């Protein structure tokens, strides 16, 4: 592998990582705006484990979709 090919791979990986993080953040922001309650209050103060599990599942699903889109 040549150095120029490696630098192209690093740049494209960084771009895809940035796009993936942006989409991930937007999805989380939408999820917090759609919820009819404060997710921060429910998870942190009320110790609502079920909501934490649901949020984690949604975020893992979004991460898998982003990963599949990047992988092609």
N, C-alpha and C. Protein backbone atom coordinates (compact mmCIF):
# COMPACT_ATOMS: atom_id res chain seq x y z
N UNK A 1 0.84 -1.17 0.00
CA UNK A 1 0.00 0.00 0.00
C UNK A 1 0.89 1.24 0.00
N UNK A 2 0.63 2.13 -0.90
CA UNK A 2 1.41 3.35 -1.01
C UNK A 2 0.94 4.36 0.04
N UNK A 3 1.79 5.29 0.32
CA UNK A 3 1.49 6.32 1.31
C UNK A 3 0.31 7.19 0.87
N UNK A 4 0.21 7.48 -0.42
CA UNK A 4 -0.90 8.30 -0.91
C UNK A 4 -2.23 7.56 -0.79
N UNK A 5 -2.22 6.25 -1.03
CA UNK A 5 -3.44 5.46 -0.86
C UNK A 5 -3.85 5.42 0.61
N UNK A 6 -2.87 5.33 1.47
CA UNK A 6 -3.15 5.28 2.90
C UNK A 6 -3.71 6.62 3.38
N UNK A 7 -3.17 7.71 2.87
CA UNK A 7 -3.68 9.02 3.29
C UNK A 7 -5.11 9.23 2.77
N UNK A 8 -5.41 8.74 1.57
CA UNK A 8 -6.77 8.81 1.06
C UNK A 8 -7.73 8.01 1.93
N UNK A 9 -7.29 6.84 2.37
CA UNK A 9 -8.13 6.01 3.23
C UNK A 9 -8.37 6.68 4.58
N UNK A 10 -7.35 7.32 5.12
CA UNK A 10 -7.50 8.01 6.41
C UNK A 10 -8.46 9.18 6.28
N UNK A 11 -8.34 9.94 5.20
CA UNK A 11 -9.22 11.09 4.99
C UNK A 11 -10.66 10.63 4.80
N UNK A 12 -10.87 9.61 4.00
CA UNK A 12 -12.25 9.14 3.78
C UNK A 12 -12.84 8.55 5.06
N UNK A 13 -12.01 7.87 5.85
CA UNK A 13 -12.49 7.34 7.14
C UNK A 13 -12.89 8.47 8.07
N UNK A 14 -12.09 9.53 8.10
CA UNK A 14 -12.42 10.67 8.95
C UNK A 14 -13.70 11.36 8.49
N UNK A 15 -13.88 11.48 7.19
CA UNK A 15 -15.10 12.11 6.66
C UNK A 15 -16.32 11.26 7.01
N UNK A 16 -16.23 9.96 6.80
CA UNK A 16 -17.36 9.08 7.13
C UNK A 16 -17.64 9.08 8.63
N UNK A 17 -16.60 9.13 9.45
CA UNK A 17 -16.80 9.18 10.90
C UNK A 17 -17.51 10.48 11.29
N UNK A 18 -17.11 11.58 10.68
CA UNK A 18 -17.76 12.86 10.97
C UNK A 18 -19.22 12.88 10.55
N UNK A 19 -19.49 12.35 9.37
CA UNK A 19 -20.87 12.29 8.89
C UNK A 19 -21.70 11.37 9.79
N UNK A 20 -21.12 10.24 10.16
CA UNK A 20 -21.82 9.30 11.03
C UNK A 20 -22.14 9.92 12.39
N UNK A 21 -21.19 10.64 12.97
CA UNK A 21 -21.43 11.29 14.26
C UNK A 21 -22.48 12.38 14.14
N UNK A 22 -22.47 13.11 13.03
CA UNK A 22 -23.48 14.15 12.83
C UNK A 22 -24.88 13.54 12.72
N UNK A 23 -25.01 12.48 11.95
CA UNK A 23 -26.32 11.81 11.81
C UNK A 23 -26.76 11.22 13.14
N UNK A 24 -25.82 10.65 13.87
CA UNK A 24 -26.10 10.08 15.19
C UNK A 24 -26.60 11.16 16.15
N UNK A 25 -25.93 12.30 16.15
CA UNK A 25 -26.35 13.41 17.02
C UNK A 25 -27.70 13.97 16.64
N UNK A 26 -27.95 14.09 15.34
CA UNK A 26 -29.25 14.59 14.88
C UNK A 26 -30.37 13.62 15.27
N UNK A 27 -30.11 12.33 15.14
CA UNK A 27 -31.12 11.33 15.52
C UNK A 27 -31.42 11.40 17.02
N UNK A 28 -30.39 11.57 17.83
CA UNK A 28 -30.61 11.68 19.28
C UNK A 28 -31.36 12.96 19.62
N UNK A 29 -31.04 14.05 18.95
CA UNK A 29 -31.73 15.31 19.18
C UNK A 29 -33.21 15.19 18.82
N UNK A 30 -33.50 14.55 17.69
CA UNK A 30 -34.89 14.33 17.28
C UNK A 30 -35.63 13.47 18.30
N UNK A 31 -34.94 12.45 18.78
CA UNK A 31 -35.55 11.56 19.77
C UNK A 31 -35.91 12.31 21.05
N UNK A 32 -35.05 13.22 21.49
CA UNK A 32 -35.35 13.98 22.71
C UNK A 32 -36.46 15.00 22.48
N UNK A 33 -36.57 15.54 21.26
CA UNK A 33 -37.63 16.51 20.98
C UNK A 33 -38.99 15.84 20.80
N UNK A 34 -39.00 14.62 20.29
CA UNK A 34 -40.26 13.91 20.04
C UNK A 34 -40.86 13.38 21.35
N UNK A 35 -40.01 13.03 22.29
CA UNK A 35 -40.49 12.47 23.56
C UNK A 35 -41.33 13.52 24.31
N UNK A 36 -42.49 13.11 24.84
CA UNK A 36 -43.35 14.08 25.55
C UNK A 36 -42.90 14.36 26.98
N UNK A 37 -41.72 13.92 27.35
CA UNK A 37 -41.20 14.10 28.71
C UNK A 37 -39.71 14.39 28.63
N UNK A 38 -39.14 14.80 29.73
CA UNK A 38 -37.71 15.08 29.77
C UNK A 38 -36.95 13.77 29.94
N UNK A 39 -36.21 13.39 28.90
CA UNK A 39 -35.46 12.13 28.98
C UNK A 39 -34.36 12.21 30.02
N UNK A 40 -33.74 13.37 30.15
CA UNK A 40 -32.67 13.54 31.14
C UNK A 40 -33.22 13.33 32.55
N UNK A 41 -34.37 13.93 32.85
CA UNK A 41 -34.97 13.79 34.18
C UNK A 41 -35.37 12.34 34.43
N UNK A 42 -35.98 11.71 33.45
CA UNK A 42 -36.44 10.33 33.63
C UNK A 42 -35.27 9.37 33.88
N UNK A 43 -34.18 9.52 33.14
CA UNK A 43 -33.07 8.59 33.25
C UNK A 43 -32.20 8.90 34.46
N UNK A 44 -31.85 10.17 34.65
CA UNK A 44 -30.91 10.52 35.71
C UNK A 44 -31.57 10.61 37.09
N UNK A 45 -32.67 11.36 37.19
CA UNK A 45 -33.26 11.60 38.50
C UNK A 45 -34.21 10.48 38.93
N UNK A 46 -35.06 10.01 38.01
CA UNK A 46 -36.05 8.99 38.36
C UNK A 46 -35.52 7.57 38.21
N UNK A 47 -34.30 7.43 37.69
CA UNK A 47 -33.66 6.12 37.51
C UNK A 47 -34.54 5.17 36.69
N UNK A 48 -35.10 5.66 35.59
CA UNK A 48 -35.96 4.87 34.73
C UNK A 48 -35.09 3.99 33.82
N UNK A 49 -34.87 2.76 34.25
CA UNK A 49 -34.00 1.84 33.52
C UNK A 49 -34.62 1.44 32.18
N UNK A 50 -35.92 1.28 32.15
CA UNK A 50 -36.60 0.87 30.91
C UNK A 50 -36.38 1.91 29.81
N UNK A 51 -36.47 3.18 30.14
CA UNK A 51 -36.24 4.22 29.15
C UNK A 51 -34.78 4.20 28.69
N UNK A 52 -33.87 3.96 29.61
CA UNK A 52 -32.46 3.87 29.24
C UNK A 52 -32.20 2.73 28.27
N UNK A 53 -32.85 1.61 28.49
CA UNK A 53 -32.69 0.46 27.60
C UNK A 53 -33.28 0.76 26.23
N UNK A 54 -34.42 1.42 26.19
CA UNK A 54 -35.04 1.77 24.91
C UNK A 54 -34.17 2.76 24.14
N UNK A 55 -33.66 3.77 24.81
CA UNK A 55 -32.79 4.75 24.16
C UNK A 55 -31.52 4.07 23.64
N UNK A 56 -30.94 3.20 24.45
CA UNK A 56 -29.74 2.48 24.02
C UNK A 56 -30.04 1.62 22.78
N UNK A 57 -31.18 0.95 22.78
CA UNK A 57 -31.54 0.13 21.62
C UNK A 57 -31.71 0.94 20.36
N UNK A 58 -32.35 2.09 20.48
CA UNK A 58 -32.55 2.96 19.32
C UNK A 58 -31.20 3.46 18.81
N UNK A 59 -30.33 3.88 19.72
CA UNK A 59 -29.02 4.40 19.31
C UNK A 59 -28.15 3.31 18.70
N UNK A 60 -28.22 2.10 19.21
CA UNK A 60 -27.46 0.99 18.60
C UNK A 60 -28.01 0.69 17.21
N UNK A 61 -29.33 0.72 17.06
CA UNK A 61 -29.92 0.51 15.74
C UNK A 61 -29.49 1.56 14.74
N UNK A 62 -29.48 2.82 15.16
CA UNK A 62 -29.03 3.90 14.28
C UNK A 62 -27.56 3.72 13.93
N UNK A 63 -26.76 3.32 14.91
CA UNK A 63 -25.33 3.09 14.65
C UNK A 63 -25.13 1.97 13.64
N UNK A 64 -25.92 0.91 13.73
CA UNK A 64 -25.82 -0.19 12.77
C UNK A 64 -26.23 0.25 11.37
N UNK A 65 -27.24 1.07 11.27
CA UNK A 65 -27.67 1.58 9.96
C UNK A 65 -26.59 2.47 9.36
N UNK A 66 -26.01 3.35 10.16
CA UNK A 66 -24.94 4.22 9.67
C UNK A 66 -23.73 3.38 9.24
N UNK A 67 -23.39 2.38 10.04
CA UNK A 67 -22.27 1.51 9.71
C UNK A 67 -22.50 0.77 8.39
N UNK A 68 -23.71 0.26 8.21
CA UNK A 68 -24.02 -0.45 6.97
C UNK A 68 -23.99 0.50 5.77
N UNK A 69 -24.44 1.72 5.96
CA UNK A 69 -24.41 2.69 4.86
C UNK A 69 -22.98 3.05 4.48
N UNK A 70 -22.12 3.18 5.47
CA UNK A 70 -20.73 3.53 5.19
C UNK A 70 -20.00 2.35 4.56
N UNK A 71 -20.28 1.16 5.06
CA UNK A 71 -19.59 -0.03 4.56
C UNK A 71 -20.00 -0.34 3.13
N UNK A 72 -21.22 -0.06 2.80
CA UNK A 72 -21.71 -0.21 1.44
C UNK A 72 -22.05 -1.59 1.12
